[in-house]
Amino acid sequence: MSEDSQFFDQMVGKTVVIDLTSLYVIAGTLIGQDQHYLFLEQADVHDLRDTTTTRELYVHEMGKHGVAVNRERVLVSRREVVSLSALDDIIR
């Protein structure tokens, strides 16, 4: 098993934050993946164009206050992912 596969397996079931190449940040409970998508439940899909808050500040505040859920389920294109981290790993 590769290191990236082990890392991903450790993230399943946790609340994660995903930075995308676009102006979106997505957070939610990671429940799985396939070759094209990451699968999340109880997710917040946040368009940074809708706020004056920076990506870093938004994620920092999410780390302090939790995920503002606005989607039951969401598929995230793996091609758009820049980074994935556990919400618990956000430095507060």
N, C-alpha and C. Protein backbone atom coordinates (compact mmCIF):
# COMPACT_ATOMS: atom_id res chain seq x y z
N MET A 1 0.84 -1.17 0.00
CA MET A 1 0.00 0.00 0.00
C MET A 1 0.89 1.24 0.00
N SER A 2 0.60 2.21 -0.86
CA SER A 2 1.41 3.41 -0.96
C SER A 2 1.11 4.37 0.18
N GLU A 3 2.04 5.31 0.42
CA GLU A 3 1.86 6.30 1.48
C GLU A 3 0.62 7.15 1.26
N ASP A 4 0.39 7.58 0.00
CA ASP A 4 -0.77 8.42 -0.25
C ASP A 4 -2.07 7.65 -0.02
N SER A 5 -2.08 6.37 -0.32
CA SER A 5 -3.25 5.53 -0.08
C SER A 5 -3.49 5.37 1.42
N GLN A 6 -2.42 5.18 2.20
CA GLN A 6 -2.54 5.08 3.65
C GLN A 6 -3.06 6.39 4.24
N PHE A 7 -2.52 7.52 3.76
CA PHE A 7 -2.97 8.82 4.23
C PHE A 7 -4.45 8.99 3.95
N PHE A 8 -4.88 8.67 2.73
CA PHE A 8 -6.29 8.81 2.39
C PHE A 8 -7.15 7.93 3.28
N ASP A 9 -6.74 6.68 3.48
CA ASP A 9 -7.52 5.76 4.32
C ASP A 9 -7.68 6.31 5.73
N GLN A 10 -6.67 6.99 6.24
CA GLN A 10 -6.75 7.60 7.57
C GLN A 10 -7.73 8.78 7.61
N MET A 11 -7.98 9.40 6.47
CA MET A 11 -8.87 10.55 6.40
C MET A 11 -10.35 10.16 6.29
N VAL A 12 -10.63 8.96 5.81
CA VAL A 12 -12.02 8.53 5.64
C VAL A 12 -12.73 8.54 7.00
N GLY A 13 -13.90 9.17 7.02
CA GLY A 13 -14.68 9.29 8.24
C GLY A 13 -14.40 10.57 9.02
N LYS A 14 -13.36 11.30 8.62
CA LYS A 14 -13.02 12.55 9.29
C LYS A 14 -13.59 13.74 8.52
N THR A 15 -13.71 14.85 9.22
CA THR A 15 -14.06 16.10 8.57
C THR A 15 -12.79 16.65 7.93
N VAL A 16 -12.87 16.92 6.62
CA VAL A 16 -11.71 17.39 5.87
C VAL A 16 -12.00 18.74 5.23
N VAL A 17 -10.92 19.45 4.92
CA VAL A 17 -10.99 20.71 4.19
C VAL A 17 -10.25 20.50 2.87
N ILE A 18 -10.90 20.87 1.77
CA ILE A 18 -10.33 20.68 0.46
C ILE A 18 -10.21 22.05 -0.23
N ASP A 19 -8.98 22.41 -0.58
CA ASP A 19 -8.73 23.60 -1.37
C ASP A 19 -8.74 23.20 -2.84
N LEU A 20 -9.45 23.99 -3.65
CA LEU A 20 -9.55 23.70 -5.07
C LEU A 20 -8.81 24.73 -5.89
N THR A 21 -8.53 24.39 -7.15
CA THR A 21 -7.87 25.33 -8.04
C THR A 21 -8.76 26.53 -8.32
N SER A 22 -10.04 26.34 -8.24
CA SER A 22 -11.00 27.43 -8.44
C SER A 22 -11.15 28.21 -7.13
N LEU A 23 -12.07 29.14 -7.10
CA LEU A 23 -12.29 29.97 -5.91
C LEU A 23 -13.29 29.32 -4.95
N TYR A 24 -13.13 28.04 -4.74
CA TYR A 24 -13.98 27.30 -3.82
C TYR A 24 -13.14 26.61 -2.75
N VAL A 25 -13.73 26.52 -1.57
CA VAL A 25 -13.21 25.69 -0.49
C VAL A 25 -14.35 24.78 -0.11
N ILE A 26 -14.06 23.50 0.05
CA ILE A 26 -15.09 22.54 0.42
C ILE A 26 -14.65 21.81 1.67
N ALA A 27 -15.58 21.68 2.61
CA ALA A 27 -15.30 20.93 3.83
C ALA A 27 -16.46 19.99 4.09
N GLY A 28 -16.17 18.85 4.68
CA GLY A 28 -17.20 17.90 5.02
C GLY A 28 -16.58 16.58 5.45
N THR A 29 -17.44 15.63 5.71
CA THR A 29 -16.98 14.30 6.12
C THR A 29 -16.64 13.48 4.88
N LEU A 30 -15.38 13.08 4.78
CA LEU A 30 -14.91 12.27 3.66
C LEU A 30 -15.41 10.84 3.83
N ILE A 31 -16.14 10.34 2.84
CA ILE A 31 -16.68 8.99 2.97
C ILE A 31 -16.14 8.02 1.93
N GLY A 32 -15.40 8.53 0.93
CA GLY A 32 -14.86 7.62 -0.07
C GLY A 32 -14.32 8.35 -1.28
N GLN A 33 -13.97 7.56 -2.29
CA GLN A 33 -13.40 8.10 -3.52
C GLN A 33 -13.52 7.07 -4.63
N ASP A 34 -13.39 7.56 -5.85
CA ASP A 34 -13.14 6.70 -6.98
C ASP A 34 -12.06 7.40 -7.81
N GLN A 35 -11.82 6.96 -9.02
CA GLN A 35 -10.72 7.54 -9.79
C GLN A 35 -10.98 8.99 -10.20
N HIS A 36 -12.24 9.44 -10.16
CA HIS A 36 -12.57 10.79 -10.61
C HIS A 36 -13.01 11.74 -9.49
N TYR A 37 -13.58 11.20 -8.42
CA TYR A 37 -14.21 12.05 -7.42
C TYR A 37 -13.84 11.65 -5.98
N LEU A 38 -13.91 12.65 -5.10
CA LEU A 38 -13.93 12.43 -3.66
C LEU A 38 -15.38 12.58 -3.24
N PHE A 39 -15.84 11.75 -2.31
CA PHE A 39 -17.23 11.77 -1.86
C PHE A 39 -17.28 12.32 -0.44
N LEU A 40 -18.10 13.35 -0.24
CA LEU A 40 -18.26 13.95 1.08
C LEU A 40 -19.73 14.01 1.45
N GLU A 41 -19.98 13.96 2.76
CA GLU A 41 -21.32 14.17 3.32
C GLU A 41 -21.25 15.32 4.30
N GLN A 42 -22.42 15.91 4.58
CA GLN A 42 -22.52 17.02 5.53
C GLN A 42 -21.46 18.07 5.21
N ALA A 43 -21.53 18.60 3.99
CA ALA A 43 -20.47 19.44 3.44
C ALA A 43 -20.86 20.92 3.38
N ASP A 44 -19.82 21.74 3.36
CA ASP A 44 -19.92 23.17 3.11
C ASP A 44 -19.18 23.45 1.81
N VAL A 45 -19.92 23.88 0.79
CA VAL A 45 -19.31 24.29 -0.47
C VAL A 45 -19.31 25.81 -0.45
N HIS A 46 -18.12 26.40 -0.31
CA HIS A 46 -18.01 27.85 -0.12
C HIS A 46 -17.33 28.50 -1.31
N ASP A 47 -18.05 29.43 -1.94
CA ASP A 47 -17.53 30.21 -3.06
C ASP A 47 -16.90 31.48 -2.50
N LEU A 48 -15.59 31.59 -2.62
CA LEU A 48 -14.87 32.74 -2.06
C LEU A 48 -15.22 34.05 -2.75
N ARG A 49 -15.86 34.00 -3.91
CA ARG A 49 -16.30 35.23 -4.58
C ARG A 49 -17.47 35.87 -3.87
N ASP A 50 -18.14 35.11 -2.99
CA ASP A 50 -19.32 35.61 -2.27
C ASP A 50 -18.97 36.33 -0.98
N THR A 51 -17.69 36.51 -0.71
CA THR A 51 -17.27 37.10 0.55
C THR A 51 -15.99 37.90 0.37
N THR A 52 -15.70 38.75 1.32
CA THR A 52 -14.44 39.48 1.29
C THR A 52 -13.37 38.75 2.10
N THR A 53 -13.74 37.64 2.71
CA THR A 53 -12.82 36.84 3.52
C THR A 53 -11.84 36.10 2.62
N THR A 54 -10.59 36.02 3.05
CA THR A 54 -9.60 35.24 2.31
C THR A 54 -9.81 33.75 2.56
N ARG A 55 -9.23 32.94 1.71
CA ARG A 55 -9.29 31.49 1.87
C ARG A 55 -8.72 31.08 3.24
N GLU A 56 -7.58 31.64 3.58
CA GLU A 56 -6.92 31.28 4.84
C GLU A 56 -7.77 31.65 6.06
N LEU A 57 -8.37 32.84 6.03
CA LEU A 57 -9.20 33.26 7.16
C LEU A 57 -10.45 32.40 7.25
N TYR A 58 -11.06 32.09 6.11
CA TYR A 58 -12.26 31.25 6.12
C TYR A 58 -11.97 29.88 6.73
N VAL A 59 -10.88 29.27 6.30
CA VAL A 59 -10.50 27.95 6.81
C VAL A 59 -10.14 28.04 8.29
N HIS A 60 -9.44 29.08 8.69
CA HIS A 60 -9.09 29.28 10.10
C HIS A 60 -10.35 29.40 10.96
N GLU A 61 -11.31 30.17 10.51
CA GLU A 61 -12.58 30.33 11.24
C GLU A 61 -13.35 29.01 11.29
N MET A 62 -13.31 28.24 10.21
CA MET A 62 -13.96 26.93 10.20
C MET A 62 -13.32 26.02 11.24
N GLY A 63 -12.00 26.13 11.38
CA GLY A 63 -11.31 25.34 12.39
C GLY A 63 -11.76 25.68 13.80
N LYS A 64 -12.11 26.93 14.02
CA LYS A 64 -12.57 27.37 15.35
C LYS A 64 -14.04 27.07 15.59
N HIS A 65 -14.88 27.22 14.54
CA HIS A 65 -16.33 27.17 14.73
C HIS A 65 -17.01 25.95 14.12
N GLY A 66 -16.29 25.18 13.32
CA GLY A 66 -16.88 24.01 12.68
C GLY A 66 -17.39 24.31 11.29
N VAL A 67 -17.90 23.28 10.64
CA VAL A 67 -18.36 23.35 9.25
C VAL A 67 -19.81 23.85 9.21
N ALA A 68 -20.07 24.86 8.38
CA ALA A 68 -21.42 25.38 8.16
C ALA A 68 -22.03 24.57 7.01
N VAL A 69 -22.67 23.47 7.34
CA VAL A 69 -23.17 22.52 6.34
C VAL A 69 -24.24 23.18 5.46
N ASN A 70 -24.05 23.07 4.14
CA ASN A 70 -25.06 23.54 3.19
C ASN A 70 -25.36 22.50 2.09
N ARG A 71 -24.76 21.32 2.22
CA ARG A 71 -25.02 20.21 1.28
C ARG A 71 -25.02 18.89 2.06
N GLU A 72 -26.00 18.03 1.75
CA GLU A 72 -26.02 16.69 2.36
C GLU A 72 -24.88 15.83 1.81
N ARG A 73 -24.71 15.86 0.47
CA ARG A 73 -23.67 15.08 -0.19
C ARG A 73 -23.08 15.90 -1.33
N VAL A 74 -21.80 15.65 -1.60
CA VAL A 74 -21.16 16.35 -2.71
C VAL A 74 -20.05 15.48 -3.29
N LEU A 75 -19.89 15.56 -4.60
CA LEU A 75 -18.77 14.93 -5.29
C LEU A 75 -17.79 16.04 -5.64
N VAL A 76 -16.51 15.82 -5.39
CA VAL A 76 -15.48 16.81 -5.68
C VAL A 76 -14.54 16.21 -6.72
N SER A 77 -14.37 16.91 -7.82
CA SER A 77 -13.50 16.44 -8.89
C SER A 77 -12.05 16.40 -8.39
N ARG A 78 -11.43 15.25 -8.50
CA ARG A 78 -10.04 15.10 -8.07
C ARG A 78 -9.10 16.00 -8.86
N ARG A 79 -9.46 16.32 -10.11
CA ARG A 79 -8.62 17.20 -10.94
C ARG A 79 -8.53 18.60 -10.38
N GLU A 80 -9.52 19.02 -9.59
CA GLU A 80 -9.56 20.38 -9.04
C GLU A 80 -8.85 20.50 -7.69
N VAL A 81 -8.52 19.38 -7.07
CA VAL A 81 -7.99 19.40 -5.70
C VAL A 81 -6.53 19.87 -5.69
N VAL A 82 -6.28 20.88 -4.84
CA VAL A 82 -4.93 21.37 -4.60
C VAL A 82 -4.41 20.74 -3.31
N SER A 83 -5.27 20.71 -2.29
CA SER A 83 -4.85 20.09 -1.02
C SER A 83 -6.07 19.55 -0.29
N LEU A 84 -5.81 18.57 0.57
CA LEU A 84 -6.82 17.97 1.42
C LEU A 84 -6.18 17.80 2.78
N SER A 85 -6.85 18.29 3.83
CA SER A 85 -6.34 18.10 5.18
C SER A 85 -7.51 17.88 6.13
N ALA A 86 -7.21 17.24 7.24
CA ALA A 86 -8.23 17.06 8.27
C ALA A 86 -8.50 18.40 8.93
N LEU A 87 -9.77 18.66 9.24
CA LEU A 87 -10.11 19.90 9.93
C LEU A 87 -9.34 20.00 11.25
N ASP A 88 -9.12 18.87 11.89
CA ASP A 88 -8.38 18.85 13.16
C ASP A 88 -6.93 19.30 12.98
N ASP A 89 -6.41 19.25 11.75
CA ASP A 89 -5.03 19.67 11.48
C ASP A 89 -4.91 21.17 11.19
N ILE A 90 -6.05 21.87 11.14
CA ILE A 90 -6.01 23.31 10.92
C ILE A 90 -5.46 23.97 12.18
N ILE A 91 -4.43 24.78 12.01
CA ILE A 91 -3.81 25.45 13.15
C ILE A 91 -4.69 26.63 13.54
N ARG A 92 -5.12 26.62 14.80
CA ARG A 92 -6.06 27.64 15.29
C ARG A 92 -5.34 28.71 16.05
